Amino acid sequence: MRPDAATLLVGTLRKLYPDLPIHIHTHDTAGTGAASMLACVLAGADIVDGAIDCMSNSTSQPALGTLNALLGENSGIIPDKELYGRIDDYWQNARKLYAPFESGSYASATDVYLHEMPGGQVTNLRF
């Protein structure tokens, strides 16, 4: 979902249903996930998904560290940076054990905007 589409979707939902909790989930396949989640928050989303930095981007969700930087250090996304760093380091090392099961997607794939395949489906297709 591009940021402009995110603004339109969430803005319209918020206008039509002002009390409805809005939770947005996305994959960062095209590399625009953080910008799209920022647009969702600014348009009135209550919750947007993110992933711990070392497991984020590409076919995963945008990085929580990026969202924290975009929304401000007082956003509450990362209340304890030291603890977050230790957790991120742990999972970065653990991820090495699962390298054989990686999707093979190591960079943004903006071609999803051409074929409009949902980002999470790209990995299924590769297998």
N, C-alpha and C. Protein backbone atom coordinates (compact mmCIF):
# COMPACT_ATOMS: atom_id res chain seq x y z
N MET A 1 0.85 -1.18 0.00
CA MET A 1 0.00 0.00 0.00
C MET A 1 0.90 1.24 0.00
N ARG A 2 0.67 2.10 -0.95
CA ARG A 2 1.43 3.36 -1.03
C ARG A 2 0.91 4.34 0.02
N PRO A 3 1.74 5.30 0.43
CA PRO A 3 1.29 6.27 1.43
C PRO A 3 0.01 7.02 1.04
N ASP A 4 -0.13 7.40 -0.22
CA ASP A 4 -1.34 8.12 -0.62
C ASP A 4 -2.58 7.24 -0.51
N ALA A 5 -2.44 5.96 -0.82
CA ALA A 5 -3.56 5.03 -0.67
C ALA A 5 -3.87 4.80 0.80
N ALA A 6 -2.83 4.76 1.62
CA ALA A 6 -3.01 4.58 3.06
C ALA A 6 -3.80 5.75 3.64
N THR A 7 -3.45 6.96 3.23
CA THR A 7 -4.16 8.15 3.69
C THR A 7 -5.63 8.11 3.27
N LEU A 8 -5.87 7.74 2.03
CA LEU A 8 -7.25 7.66 1.52
C LEU A 8 -8.05 6.60 2.27
N LEU A 9 -7.48 5.41 2.43
CA LEU A 9 -8.18 4.31 3.09
C LEU A 9 -8.50 4.64 4.54
N VAL A 10 -7.49 4.98 5.31
CA VAL A 10 -7.69 5.24 6.74
C VAL A 10 -8.52 6.51 6.95
N GLY A 11 -8.25 7.53 6.16
CA GLY A 11 -9.01 8.77 6.29
C GLY A 11 -10.50 8.56 6.03
N THR A 12 -10.80 7.76 5.01
CA THR A 12 -12.20 7.47 4.69
C THR A 12 -12.86 6.64 5.78
N LEU A 13 -12.15 5.61 6.24
CA LEU A 13 -12.70 4.78 7.32
C LEU A 13 -12.94 5.61 8.59
N ARG A 14 -11.97 6.46 8.92
CA ARG A 14 -12.10 7.28 10.13
C ARG A 14 -13.28 8.24 10.02
N LYS A 15 -13.48 8.80 8.83
CA LYS A 15 -14.59 9.73 8.61
C LYS A 15 -15.94 9.01 8.71
N LEU A 16 -16.03 7.82 8.11
CA LEU A 16 -17.29 7.07 8.12
C LEU A 16 -17.58 6.41 9.46
N TYR A 17 -16.53 5.97 10.13
CA TYR A 17 -16.67 5.23 11.40
C TYR A 17 -15.73 5.83 12.44
N PRO A 18 -16.07 6.97 13.01
CA PRO A 18 -15.15 7.68 13.90
C PRO A 18 -14.75 6.91 15.16
N ASP A 19 -15.58 5.97 15.60
CA ASP A 19 -15.27 5.23 16.83
C ASP A 19 -14.70 3.84 16.58
N LEU A 20 -14.57 3.44 15.33
CA LEU A 20 -14.07 2.11 14.98
C LEU A 20 -12.56 2.04 15.18
N PRO A 21 -12.07 1.06 15.93
CA PRO A 21 -10.62 0.90 16.03
C PRO A 21 -10.06 0.49 14.67
N ILE A 22 -9.03 1.16 14.22
CA ILE A 22 -8.43 0.86 12.92
C ILE A 22 -7.02 0.33 13.15
N HIS A 23 -6.79 -0.91 12.69
CA HIS A 23 -5.50 -1.60 12.83
C HIS A 23 -5.02 -1.94 11.43
N ILE A 24 -3.86 -1.47 11.06
CA ILE A 24 -3.32 -1.68 9.71
C ILE A 24 -2.12 -2.61 9.76
N HIS A 25 -2.15 -3.60 8.89
CA HIS A 25 -1.04 -4.55 8.73
C HIS A 25 -0.52 -4.42 7.31
N THR A 26 0.78 -4.42 7.16
CA THR A 26 1.37 -4.35 5.83
C THR A 26 2.68 -5.12 5.82
N HIS A 27 3.16 -5.38 4.62
CA HIS A 27 4.51 -5.90 4.42
C HIS A 27 5.31 -4.78 3.77
N ASP A 28 6.61 -4.83 3.91
CA ASP A 28 7.46 -3.76 3.40
C ASP A 28 8.17 -4.18 2.11
N THR A 29 7.53 -5.00 1.34
CA THR A 29 8.13 -5.56 0.13
C THR A 29 8.64 -4.47 -0.81
N ALA A 30 7.87 -3.43 -1.02
CA ALA A 30 8.28 -2.36 -1.94
C ALA A 30 9.21 -1.34 -1.29
N GLY A 31 9.39 -1.43 0.02
CA GLY A 31 10.27 -0.48 0.72
C GLY A 31 9.59 0.79 1.17
N THR A 32 8.28 0.86 1.05
CA THR A 32 7.55 2.06 1.45
C THR A 32 6.68 1.85 2.69
N GLY A 33 6.87 0.73 3.36
CA GLY A 33 6.02 0.39 4.50
C GLY A 33 6.04 1.42 5.62
N ALA A 34 7.21 1.92 5.97
CA ALA A 34 7.28 2.90 7.07
C ALA A 34 6.56 4.19 6.69
N ALA A 35 6.74 4.63 5.45
CA ALA A 35 6.04 5.84 4.99
C ALA A 35 4.54 5.62 4.99
N SER A 36 4.13 4.44 4.58
CA SER A 36 2.69 4.13 4.56
C SER A 36 2.12 4.05 5.96
N MET A 37 2.85 3.46 6.90
CA MET A 37 2.36 3.38 8.27
C MET A 37 2.31 4.75 8.92
N LEU A 38 3.28 5.61 8.59
CA LEU A 38 3.23 6.99 9.08
C LEU A 38 1.98 7.68 8.54
N ALA A 39 1.70 7.50 7.26
CA ALA A 39 0.50 8.10 6.66
C ALA A 39 -0.76 7.57 7.35
N CYS A 40 -0.79 6.28 7.69
CA CYS A 40 -1.94 5.70 8.39
C CYS A 40 -2.15 6.34 9.75
N VAL A 41 -1.06 6.50 10.50
CA VAL A 41 -1.16 7.12 11.83
C VAL A 41 -1.66 8.55 11.70
N LEU A 42 -1.11 9.29 10.76
CA LEU A 42 -1.52 10.68 10.58
C LEU A 42 -2.97 10.80 10.11
N ALA A 43 -3.46 9.76 9.44
CA ALA A 43 -4.85 9.77 8.97
C ALA A 43 -5.83 9.24 10.02
N GLY A 44 -5.30 8.74 11.16
CA GLY A 44 -6.19 8.33 12.24
C GLY A 44 -6.18 6.88 12.62
N ALA A 45 -5.25 6.07 12.10
CA ALA A 45 -5.17 4.66 12.51
C ALA A 45 -4.79 4.57 13.99
N ASP A 46 -5.36 3.60 14.67
CA ASP A 46 -5.06 3.40 16.09
C ASP A 46 -3.83 2.52 16.28
N ILE A 47 -3.65 1.55 15.40
CA ILE A 47 -2.56 0.58 15.51
C ILE A 47 -1.99 0.35 14.12
N VAL A 48 -0.66 0.33 14.02
CA VAL A 48 0.01 -0.10 12.79
C VAL A 48 1.04 -1.15 13.19
N ASP A 49 1.23 -2.13 12.32
CA ASP A 49 2.16 -3.21 12.62
C ASP A 49 3.59 -2.86 12.23
N GLY A 50 4.52 -3.39 12.98
CA GLY A 50 5.94 -3.26 12.70
C GLY A 50 6.64 -4.51 13.19
N ALA A 51 7.90 -4.64 12.86
CA ALA A 51 8.70 -5.80 13.29
C ALA A 51 10.00 -5.29 13.91
N ILE A 52 10.53 -6.11 14.82
CA ILE A 52 11.82 -5.76 15.41
C ILE A 52 12.82 -5.55 14.28
N ASP A 53 13.71 -4.61 14.45
CA ASP A 53 14.57 -4.16 13.34
C ASP A 53 15.24 -5.29 12.57
N CYS A 54 15.86 -6.23 13.25
CA CYS A 54 16.62 -7.28 12.56
C CYS A 54 15.74 -8.26 11.79
N MET A 55 14.44 -8.22 12.00
CA MET A 55 13.52 -9.13 11.30
C MET A 55 12.59 -8.35 10.37
N SER A 56 12.87 -7.08 10.15
CA SER A 56 11.93 -6.22 9.44
C SER A 56 12.28 -6.04 7.97
N ASN A 57 11.43 -5.27 7.32
CA ASN A 57 11.58 -4.84 5.93
C ASN A 57 11.44 -6.03 4.97
N SER A 58 11.59 -5.75 3.70
CA SER A 58 11.40 -6.74 2.64
C SER A 58 10.03 -7.40 2.81
N THR A 59 9.99 -8.71 2.99
CA THR A 59 8.69 -9.38 3.08
C THR A 59 8.08 -9.32 4.48
N SER A 60 8.77 -8.69 5.41
CA SER A 60 8.26 -8.51 6.76
C SER A 60 7.60 -7.13 6.87
N GLN A 61 7.39 -6.68 8.08
CA GLN A 61 6.78 -5.38 8.32
C GLN A 61 7.88 -4.32 8.43
N PRO A 62 7.50 -3.05 8.38
CA PRO A 62 8.50 -1.99 8.57
C PRO A 62 9.15 -2.09 9.95
N ALA A 63 10.37 -1.60 10.06
CA ALA A 63 11.13 -1.67 11.31
C ALA A 63 10.51 -0.78 12.39
N LEU A 64 10.39 -1.34 13.59
CA LEU A 64 9.88 -0.56 14.72
C LEU A 64 10.79 0.63 15.01
N GLY A 65 12.10 0.46 14.85
CA GLY A 65 13.02 1.56 15.07
C GLY A 65 12.77 2.70 14.11
N THR A 66 12.45 2.38 12.86
CA THR A 66 12.14 3.41 11.88
C THR A 66 10.85 4.12 12.24
N LEU A 67 9.83 3.34 12.59
CA LEU A 67 8.55 3.95 12.99
C LEU A 67 8.73 4.83 14.21
N ASN A 68 9.55 4.39 15.15
CA ASN A 68 9.82 5.18 16.34
C ASN A 68 10.48 6.51 15.96
N ALA A 69 11.42 6.47 15.03
CA ALA A 69 12.09 7.69 14.60
C ALA A 69 11.12 8.62 13.86
N LEU A 70 10.25 8.04 13.02
CA LEU A 70 9.31 8.86 12.26
C LEU A 70 8.25 9.50 13.14
N LEU A 71 7.80 8.76 14.15
CA LEU A 71 6.71 9.24 15.00
C LEU A 71 7.21 10.01 16.22
N GLY A 72 8.51 9.97 16.45
CA GLY A 72 9.08 10.72 17.57
C GLY A 72 9.50 9.80 18.69
N GLU A 73 10.58 10.16 19.31
CA GLU A 73 11.15 9.34 20.38
C GLU A 73 10.18 9.13 21.55
N ASN A 74 9.20 10.00 21.70
CA ASN A 74 8.24 9.87 22.78
C ASN A 74 6.96 9.17 22.35
N SER A 75 7.02 8.49 21.21
CA SER A 75 5.83 7.81 20.69
C SER A 75 5.43 6.61 21.54
N GLY A 76 6.37 6.08 22.31
CA GLY A 76 6.07 4.92 23.13
C GLY A 76 6.31 3.60 22.41
N ILE A 77 6.73 3.66 21.17
CA ILE A 77 6.98 2.41 20.42
C ILE A 77 8.13 1.64 21.06
N ILE A 78 9.20 2.35 21.38
CA ILE A 78 10.36 1.72 22.02
C ILE A 78 10.62 2.45 23.33
N PRO A 79 9.97 2.01 24.41
CA PRO A 79 10.12 2.72 25.68
C PRO A 79 11.49 2.56 26.33
N ASP A 80 12.20 1.46 26.02
CA ASP A 80 13.50 1.20 26.61
C ASP A 80 14.47 0.82 25.49
N LYS A 81 15.24 1.78 25.00
CA LYS A 81 16.13 1.54 23.86
C LYS A 81 17.21 0.51 24.17
N GLU A 82 17.71 0.52 25.39
CA GLU A 82 18.75 -0.44 25.76
C GLU A 82 18.20 -1.87 25.70
N LEU A 83 17.04 -2.09 26.28
CA LEU A 83 16.42 -3.41 26.23
C LEU A 83 16.09 -3.80 24.80
N TYR A 84 15.55 -2.86 24.04
CA TYR A 84 15.22 -3.14 22.63
C TYR A 84 16.48 -3.56 21.87
N GLY A 85 17.58 -2.88 22.11
CA GLY A 85 18.84 -3.23 21.46
C GLY A 85 19.31 -4.63 21.81
N ARG A 86 19.18 -5.00 23.08
CA ARG A 86 19.58 -6.36 23.50
C ARG A 86 18.69 -7.42 22.85
N ILE A 87 17.39 -7.15 22.79
CA ILE A 87 16.46 -8.10 22.16
C ILE A 87 16.77 -8.21 20.67
N ASP A 88 17.01 -7.08 20.02
CA ASP A 88 17.34 -7.07 18.60
C ASP A 88 18.62 -7.86 18.34
N ASP A 89 19.64 -7.67 19.18
CA ASP A 89 20.90 -8.42 19.04
C ASP A 89 20.66 -9.92 19.18
N TYR A 90 19.84 -10.32 20.16
CA TYR A 90 19.54 -11.74 20.37
C TYR A 90 18.92 -12.34 19.11
N TRP A 91 17.88 -11.67 18.57
CA TRP A 91 17.18 -12.21 17.41
C TRP A 91 18.02 -12.14 16.14
N GLN A 92 18.94 -11.18 16.09
CA GLN A 92 19.83 -11.12 14.94
C GLN A 92 20.72 -12.36 14.91
N ASN A 93 21.19 -12.78 16.07
CA ASN A 93 22.00 -14.00 16.14
C ASN A 93 21.16 -15.25 15.93
N ALA A 94 19.96 -15.28 16.51
CA ALA A 94 19.08 -16.44 16.34
C ALA A 94 18.67 -16.62 14.88
N ARG A 95 18.51 -15.50 14.20
CA ARG A 95 18.08 -15.56 12.79
C ARG A 95 19.09 -16.32 11.92
N LYS A 96 20.35 -16.25 12.29
CA LYS A 96 21.39 -16.96 11.53
C LYS A 96 21.13 -18.47 11.51
N LEU A 97 20.55 -18.99 12.58
CA LEU A 97 20.24 -20.42 12.65
C LEU A 97 19.17 -20.83 11.64
N TYR A 98 18.34 -19.87 11.26
CA TYR A 98 17.23 -20.16 10.36
C TYR A 98 17.50 -19.69 8.93
N ALA A 99 18.75 -19.36 8.63
CA ALA A 99 19.11 -18.85 7.30
C ALA A 99 18.63 -19.75 6.16
N PRO A 100 18.65 -21.07 6.32
CA PRO A 100 18.19 -21.91 5.20
C PRO A 100 16.70 -21.72 4.87
N PHE A 101 15.96 -21.15 5.77
CA PHE A 101 14.53 -20.98 5.57
C PHE A 101 14.15 -19.56 5.15
N GLU A 102 15.15 -18.70 4.93
CA GLU A 102 14.88 -17.32 4.50
C GLU A 102 14.17 -17.32 3.15
N SER A 103 13.49 -16.23 2.87
CA SER A 103 12.67 -16.14 1.65
C SER A 103 13.48 -15.92 0.39
N GLY A 104 14.71 -15.45 0.53
CA GLY A 104 15.49 -15.10 -0.66
C GLY A 104 15.27 -13.66 -1.08
N SER A 105 14.45 -12.92 -0.35
CA SER A 105 14.20 -11.50 -0.64
C SER A 105 15.11 -10.67 0.26
N TYR A 106 16.09 -10.05 -0.33
CA TYR A 106 17.05 -9.29 0.47
C TYR A 106 16.98 -7.79 0.21
N ALA A 107 16.11 -7.37 -0.67
CA ALA A 107 16.00 -5.95 -0.99
C ALA A 107 14.55 -5.64 -1.36
N SER A 108 14.25 -4.37 -1.44
CA SER A 108 12.91 -3.96 -1.83
C SER A 108 12.60 -4.45 -3.24
N ALA A 109 11.32 -4.75 -3.47
CA ALA A 109 10.88 -5.23 -4.78
C ALA A 109 9.69 -4.37 -5.21
N THR A 110 9.98 -3.24 -5.84
CA THR A 110 8.92 -2.31 -6.20
C THR A 110 8.04 -2.82 -7.34
N ASP A 111 8.40 -3.97 -7.92
CA ASP A 111 7.55 -4.53 -8.97
C ASP A 111 6.19 -4.97 -8.43
N VAL A 112 6.04 -5.03 -7.10
CA VAL A 112 4.72 -5.35 -6.55
C VAL A 112 3.70 -4.29 -6.94
N TYR A 113 4.16 -3.07 -7.22
CA TYR A 113 3.24 -2.03 -7.67
C TYR A 113 2.77 -2.26 -9.10
N LEU A 114 3.52 -3.05 -9.87
CA LEU A 114 3.12 -3.37 -11.24
C LEU A 114 2.12 -4.52 -11.28
N HIS A 115 2.46 -5.61 -10.59
CA HIS A 115 1.57 -6.78 -10.63
C HIS A 115 0.58 -6.82 -9.48
N GLU A 116 0.73 -5.91 -8.52
CA GLU A 116 -0.19 -5.76 -7.39
C GLU A 116 -0.42 -7.04 -6.60
N MET A 117 0.61 -7.85 -6.53
CA MET A 117 0.55 -9.05 -5.70
C MET A 117 0.82 -8.64 -4.25
N PRO A 118 0.01 -9.07 -3.31
CA PRO A 118 0.28 -8.72 -1.91
C PRO A 118 1.70 -9.15 -1.51
N GLY A 119 2.38 -8.27 -0.77
CA GLY A 119 3.77 -8.53 -0.39
C GLY A 119 3.99 -9.86 0.28
N GLY A 120 3.07 -10.29 1.12
CA GLY A 120 3.23 -11.57 1.80
C GLY A 120 3.13 -12.75 0.88
N GLN A 121 2.52 -12.57 -0.27
CA GLN A 121 2.38 -13.67 -1.23
C GLN A 121 3.62 -13.85 -2.08
N VAL A 122 4.48 -12.85 -2.16
CA VAL A 122 5.70 -12.94 -2.96
C VAL A 122 6.55 -14.11 -2.49
N THR A 123 6.70 -14.26 -1.18
CA THR A 123 7.51 -15.36 -0.66
C THR A 123 6.88 -16.71 -0.97
N ASN A 124 5.58 -16.80 -0.91
CA ASN A 124 4.92 -18.07 -1.24
C ASN A 124 5.19 -18.45 -2.68
N LEU A 125 5.16 -17.47 -3.57
CA LEU A 125 5.40 -17.72 -4.98
C LEU A 125 6.84 -18.20 -5.21
N ARG A 126 7.78 -17.62 -4.50
CA ARG A 126 9.18 -18.01 -4.69
C ARG A 126 9.42 -19.47 -4.32
N PHE A 127 8.74 -19.94 -3.27
CA PHE A 127 8.90 -21.34 -2.90
C PHE A 127 8.22 -22.23 -3.91
